[in-house]
Amino acid sequence: MSERPKLVASRAAVPTPSHPNLGTPERAVSLLAGTLLIANGLRQGGLQGWPQVLLGACAAWRGYSGTCRIKRALTHTPFEQAFEQDRDWDGSKVISRSITVGKPREAVFVFCRNPGNLGALLPWVDAIEQTGERTYRWVAHGPMDKTLHCDIEQDQPKDGRKLHWTAAPDTRFKHDIQMHFTDAPAGRGTQLKVIVACQTLPGAAGYALAAALSKFSDKALLHLLRSIKQQLETGEVATHRMHAPGTKDFLFVHPATDTPQTPTHQPSTGGNA
């Protein structure tokens, strides 16, 4: 038997009456509970009975159609399941975005491997400190004026086609970030794909919380990719917001050593943005 190919990406199937995501026992329980709620609601009537009728109708339809959006939202995608097995995580939430940049692959790769270039495009990042040869501490401002820290390790780049960052070993919640660079067809530039995975809390509640937070993370990732495209293609990033008083305009990447340095050129793994 041939080995199953490695899963690169997947899309969760949308449950329909012809392709249900509920088993026979689940459908039977929903039909029974829905019927009992409808009967009891009609018997009571009034403000106490009609809500039971509506709830029973929803449960009965859940059992009849065999579809449940809540179960779908709490079900890990095949890619997440493969990712959890590979990383030995109890749970994970993965988001992915891609964009085509009208620049050669080498130029896009060199730009993205510099943490200062990426941090300058994220408005909530205040500073990036280089704490080791390939280790960086990202400092960001969070809700209620709280300062957040995240230590990220950058793996050795691979042939100008992949960048990989992982959370430090002592980090409570693990992160795994990958950037893939491929030549776009017909000489249109570079296809840039980013995969961001976060370790979730155990159980369905932890996955549901991560799924809710991923809505904002997905928008932030899309904003970052669009900013990279604009910066590389036009040399600037368009914005509709005015700078508030006290807003920092520059982002500094501090070297790991305490010795003052005055580089004559922008390094490939750190520098001033």
Protein backbone atom coordinates (compact mmCIF):
# COMPACT_ATOMS: atom_id res chain seq x y z
CA MET A 1 0.00 0.00 0.00
CA SER A 2 1.39 3.36 -1.00
CA GLU A 3 1.91 6.00 1.68
CA ARG A 4 -0.81 8.64 1.88
CA PRO A 5 0.38 12.03 0.50
CA LYS A 6 1.05 14.77 3.04
CA LEU A 7 -1.95 17.06 3.51
CA VAL A 8 -1.07 20.63 2.57
CA ALA A 9 -4.47 22.34 2.87
CA SER A 10 -8.13 21.45 3.20
CA ARG A 11 -11.53 23.07 3.35
CA ALA A 12 -14.15 21.97 5.87
CA ALA A 13 -17.20 20.45 4.18
CA VAL A 14 -20.50 22.30 4.58
CA PRO A 15 -23.13 19.93 6.03
CA THR A 16 -26.32 19.57 3.96
CA PRO A 17 -29.31 17.21 4.22
CA SER A 18 -27.67 15.07 1.52
CA HIS A 19 -24.31 15.20 3.38
CA PRO A 20 -25.22 15.32 7.11
CA ASN A 21 -22.65 15.73 9.85
CA LEU A 22 -24.77 14.04 12.56
CA GLY A 23 -24.91 10.33 13.22
CA THR A 24 -28.09 8.27 13.60
CA PRO A 25 -28.09 8.34 17.45
CA GLU A 26 -27.64 12.13 17.48
CA ARG A 27 -30.49 12.62 15.02
CA ALA A 28 -32.79 10.31 17.00
CA VAL A 29 -32.09 12.15 20.27
CA SER A 30 -32.71 15.53 18.60
CA LEU A 31 -36.01 14.36 17.10
CA LEU A 32 -37.20 12.93 20.42
CA ALA A 33 -36.16 16.00 22.43
CA GLY A 34 -37.71 18.33 19.85
CA THR A 35 -41.00 16.45 19.86
CA LEU A 36 -41.20 16.51 23.67
CA LEU A 37 -40.42 20.24 23.80
CA ILE A 38 -43.04 21.06 21.18
CA ALA A 39 -45.69 18.98 22.94
CA ASN A 40 -44.92 20.47 26.35
CA GLY A 41 -44.82 24.01 24.93
CA LEU A 42 -48.20 23.64 23.24
CA ARG A 43 -49.66 22.22 26.45
CA GLN A 44 -48.39 25.15 28.57
CA GLY A 45 -48.90 27.94 26.03
CA GLY A 46 -48.26 31.58 26.77
CA LEU A 47 -44.85 33.11 27.44
CA GLN A 48 -43.54 29.89 28.96
CA GLY A 49 -44.74 27.55 26.25
CA TRP A 50 -43.91 29.26 22.96
CA PRO A 51 -40.14 29.48 23.61
CA GLN A 52 -40.19 25.71 24.17
CA VAL A 53 -42.04 25.26 20.89
CA LEU A 54 -39.42 27.26 19.01
CA LEU A 55 -36.55 25.43 20.69
CA GLY A 56 -38.23 22.09 20.02
CA ALA A 57 -38.72 23.00 16.36
CA CYS A 58 -34.99 23.77 16.03
CA ALA A 59 -34.08 20.46 17.69
CA ALA A 60 -36.53 18.55 15.49
CA TRP A 61 -35.14 20.17 12.33
CA ARG A 62 -31.61 19.33 13.54
CA GLY A 63 -32.58 15.69 13.78
CA TYR A 64 -34.54 15.63 10.53
CA SER A 65 -31.88 17.34 8.39
CA GLY A 66 -28.89 15.76 10.12
CA THR A 67 -26.99 19.06 10.04
CA CYS A 68 -25.66 21.14 12.94
CA ARG A 69 -23.73 24.36 12.50
CA ILE A 70 -22.53 24.30 16.11
CA LYS A 71 -20.96 20.86 15.66
CA ARG A 72 -19.40 22.00 12.40
CA ALA A 73 -17.89 25.05 14.11
CA LEU A 74 -16.41 22.86 16.87
CA THR A 75 -15.04 20.20 14.51
CA HIS A 76 -11.33 20.36 13.68
CA THR A 77 -10.51 20.50 9.99
CA PRO A 78 -8.50 17.64 8.45
CA PHE A 79 -5.50 19.96 8.15
CA GLU A 80 -5.75 20.86 11.86
CA GLN A 81 -5.98 17.18 12.79
CA ALA A 82 -2.88 16.39 10.71
CA PHE A 83 -1.09 19.38 12.24
CA GLU A 84 -1.92 18.22 15.79
CA GLN A 85 -0.57 14.75 15.10
CA ASP A 86 2.63 16.16 13.61
CA ARG A 87 3.23 18.60 16.51
CA ASP A 88 1.78 16.38 19.27
CA TRP A 89 -0.68 19.10 20.31
CA ASP A 90 -3.98 18.44 22.06
CA GLY A 91 -5.74 21.01 19.88
CA SER A 92 -4.97 23.66 17.29
CA LYS A 93 -6.61 26.40 15.28
CA VAL A 94 -5.10 27.12 11.87
CA ILE A 95 -5.72 30.06 9.56
CA SER A 96 -4.21 30.56 6.12
CA ARG A 97 -4.07 33.41 3.62
CA SER A 98 -2.27 33.95 0.32
CA ILE A 99 -1.60 36.83 -2.03
CA THR A 100 0.28 37.49 -5.26
CA VAL A 101 3.03 40.11 -5.12
CA GLY A 102 4.27 41.61 -8.35
CA LYS A 103 7.94 41.22 -7.46
CA PRO A 104 10.53 38.45 -7.94
CA ARG A 105 10.52 35.68 -5.38
CA GLU A 106 14.01 36.52 -4.13
CA ALA A 107 13.03 40.14 -3.37
CA VAL A 108 9.87 39.10 -1.50
CA PHE A 109 11.80 36.49 0.47
CA VAL A 110 14.55 38.93 1.52
CA PHE A 111 11.94 41.48 2.63
CA CYS A 112 9.92 39.00 4.69
CA ARG A 113 12.88 37.35 6.43
CA ASN A 114 13.67 40.67 8.13
CA PRO A 115 11.49 40.89 11.29
CA GLY A 116 11.81 44.69 11.27
CA ASN A 117 10.08 44.89 7.89
CA LEU A 118 7.14 42.81 9.09
CA GLY A 119 6.86 44.52 12.48
CA ALA A 120 6.73 47.95 10.87
CA LEU A 121 3.56 46.88 9.04
CA LEU A 122 1.78 45.80 12.24
CA PRO A 123 0.42 48.89 14.05
CA TRP A 124 0.05 47.13 17.41
CA VAL A 125 3.72 46.05 17.57
CA ASP A 126 5.88 48.50 19.53
CA ALA A 127 9.30 46.84 19.30
CA ILE A 128 11.18 43.70 18.31
CA GLU A 129 14.19 42.71 20.41
CA GLN A 130 16.75 40.23 19.10
CA THR A 131 17.55 38.04 22.09
CA GLY A 132 19.58 35.40 20.27
CA GLU A 133 21.02 34.42 16.93
CA ARG A 134 17.57 33.56 15.55
CA THR A 135 15.35 34.43 18.54
CA TYR A 136 13.23 37.58 18.74
CA ARG A 137 10.95 39.04 21.39
CA TRP A 138 7.94 40.83 19.95
CA VAL A 139 6.53 43.56 22.20
CA ALA A 140 2.99 44.69 21.47
CA HIS A 141 0.37 46.82 23.20
CA GLY A 142 -2.81 44.99 24.11
CA PRO A 143 -6.19 45.89 25.60
CA MET A 144 -6.33 48.23 28.61
CA ASP A 145 -2.81 49.51 27.85
CA LYS A 146 -1.24 46.17 28.70
CA THR A 147 2.14 45.23 27.21
CA LEU A 148 2.33 41.77 25.67
CA HIS A 149 5.51 39.79 24.98
CA CYS A 150 6.01 36.85 22.66
CA ASP A 151 9.34 35.05 22.08
CA ILE A 152 9.66 33.66 18.55
CA GLU A 153 12.42 31.46 17.13
CA GLN A 154 13.17 31.67 13.42
CA ASP A 155 14.29 28.44 11.78
CA GLN A 156 16.98 28.36 9.14
CA PRO A 157 15.48 29.63 5.83
CA LYS A 158 15.10 26.98 3.12
CA ASP A 159 16.29 27.81 -0.40
CA GLY A 160 14.45 31.11 -0.53
CA ARG A 161 11.09 29.32 -0.57
CA LYS A 162 10.06 28.95 3.07
CA LEU A 163 10.30 30.86 6.35
CA HIS A 164 9.33 29.18 9.60
CA TRP A 165 8.84 30.66 13.07
CA THR A 166 7.90 28.79 16.25
CA ALA A 167 7.20 29.90 19.80
CA ALA A 168 9.96 29.52 22.36
CA PRO A 169 9.92 26.26 24.35
CA ASP A 170 8.85 27.98 27.60
CA THR A 171 5.90 29.73 25.95
CA ARG A 172 2.56 28.75 27.46
CA PHE A 173 0.61 28.74 24.19
CA LYS A 174 2.53 27.41 21.22
CA HIS A 175 2.49 29.15 17.84
CA ASP A 176 3.67 27.93 14.48
CA ILE A 177 3.99 30.38 11.56
CA GLN A 178 5.03 29.45 8.04
CA MET A 179 5.59 31.56 4.92
CA HIS A 180 5.78 29.82 1.55
CA PHE A 181 7.13 31.55 -1.55
CA THR A 182 6.44 30.22 -5.05
CA ASP A 183 6.81 31.73 -8.50
CA ALA A 184 3.46 32.94 -9.80
CA PRO A 185 2.41 31.63 -13.24
CA ALA A 186 2.98 33.66 -16.38
CA GLY A 187 5.69 35.71 -14.68
CA ARG A 188 3.22 37.61 -12.51
CA GLY A 189 5.60 37.74 -9.54
CA THR A 190 5.43 35.71 -6.33
CA GLN A 191 2.67 33.80 -4.63
CA LEU A 192 3.01 34.33 -0.88
CA LYS A 193 1.12 31.95 1.40
CA VAL A 194 1.07 32.24 5.19
CA ILE A 195 -0.11 29.52 7.60
CA VAL A 196 -0.60 30.46 11.25
CA ALA A 197 -1.33 27.76 13.84
CA CYS A 198 -2.02 28.28 17.53
CA GLN A 199 -2.29 25.67 20.24
CA THR A 200 -5.72 25.79 21.87
CA LEU A 201 -6.94 24.99 25.34
CA PRO A 202 -8.16 21.41 25.80
CA GLY A 203 -11.71 20.53 24.95
CA ALA A 204 -14.44 21.97 22.76
CA ALA A 205 -14.59 25.19 24.79
CA GLY A 206 -10.91 25.90 24.12
CA TYR A 207 -11.36 25.31 20.41
CA ALA A 208 -14.45 27.52 20.32
CA LEU A 209 -12.53 30.34 22.04
CA ALA A 210 -9.65 29.99 19.57
CA ALA A 211 -12.09 29.96 16.66
CA ALA A 212 -13.67 33.21 17.87
CA LEU A 213 -10.27 34.89 18.28
CA SER A 214 -9.19 33.62 14.87
CA LYS A 215 -11.77 35.90 13.25
CA PHE A 216 -9.66 38.88 14.30
CA SER A 217 -6.38 37.09 13.56
CA ASP A 218 -7.56 36.32 10.04
CA LYS A 219 -8.31 40.00 9.38
CA ALA A 220 -4.91 40.98 10.81
CA LEU A 221 -3.17 38.43 8.58
CA LEU A 222 -5.00 39.70 5.51
CA HIS A 223 -4.03 43.28 6.43
CA LEU A 224 -0.38 42.24 6.77
CA LEU A 225 -0.31 40.52 3.38
CA ARG A 226 -1.91 43.49 1.67
CA SER A 227 0.58 45.80 3.36
CA ILE A 228 3.50 43.64 2.17
CA LYS A 229 2.15 43.78 -1.36
CA GLN A 230 1.74 47.56 -1.28
CA GLN A 231 5.14 48.15 0.31
CA LEU A 232 6.99 46.03 -2.24
CA GLU A 233 5.07 47.17 -5.31
CA THR A 234 4.66 50.89 -4.57
CA GLY A 235 7.13 51.62 -1.77
CA GLU A 236 4.42 52.76 0.66
CA VAL A 237 1.34 51.49 2.47
CA ALA A 238 -1.94 53.33 2.02
CA THR A 239 -3.93 54.18 5.17
CA HIS A 240 -7.06 56.15 5.93
CA ARG A 241 -6.22 56.84 9.58
CA MET A 242 -4.58 59.96 10.95
CA HIS A 243 -1.65 59.61 13.38
CA ALA A 244 -2.83 60.21 16.93
CA PRO A 245 -0.70 62.31 19.30
CA GLY A 246 2.15 60.26 20.73
CA THR A 247 2.00 57.61 18.01
CA LYS A 248 5.38 56.04 17.36
CA ASP A 249 6.42 56.37 13.74
CA PHE A 250 9.50 54.14 13.83
CA LEU A 251 10.08 50.60 14.96
CA PHE A 252 13.52 49.61 16.21
CA VAL A 253 15.01 46.14 16.28
CA HIS A 254 17.56 46.02 19.09
CA PRO A 255 20.65 43.81 18.64
CA ALA A 256 21.28 40.95 21.02
CA THR A 257 24.59 42.38 22.27
CA ASP A 258 24.98 45.42 24.48
CA THR A 259 27.75 46.85 22.32
CA PRO A 260 26.54 49.84 20.29
CA GLN A 261 26.46 49.07 16.59
CA THR A 262 26.15 51.35 13.60
CA PRO A 263 25.42 49.09 10.62
CA THR A 264 26.11 50.57 7.23
CA HIS A 265 23.44 48.47 5.55
CA GLN A 266 20.18 46.84 6.53
CA PRO A 267 20.80 43.24 7.69
CA SER A 268 18.69 40.41 6.42
CA THR A 269 17.52 39.19 9.86
CA GLY A 270 17.17 42.40 11.84
CA GLY A 271 17.59 46.16 11.60
CA ASN A 272 15.74 49.41 11.71
CA ALA A 273 12.38 49.50 9.99
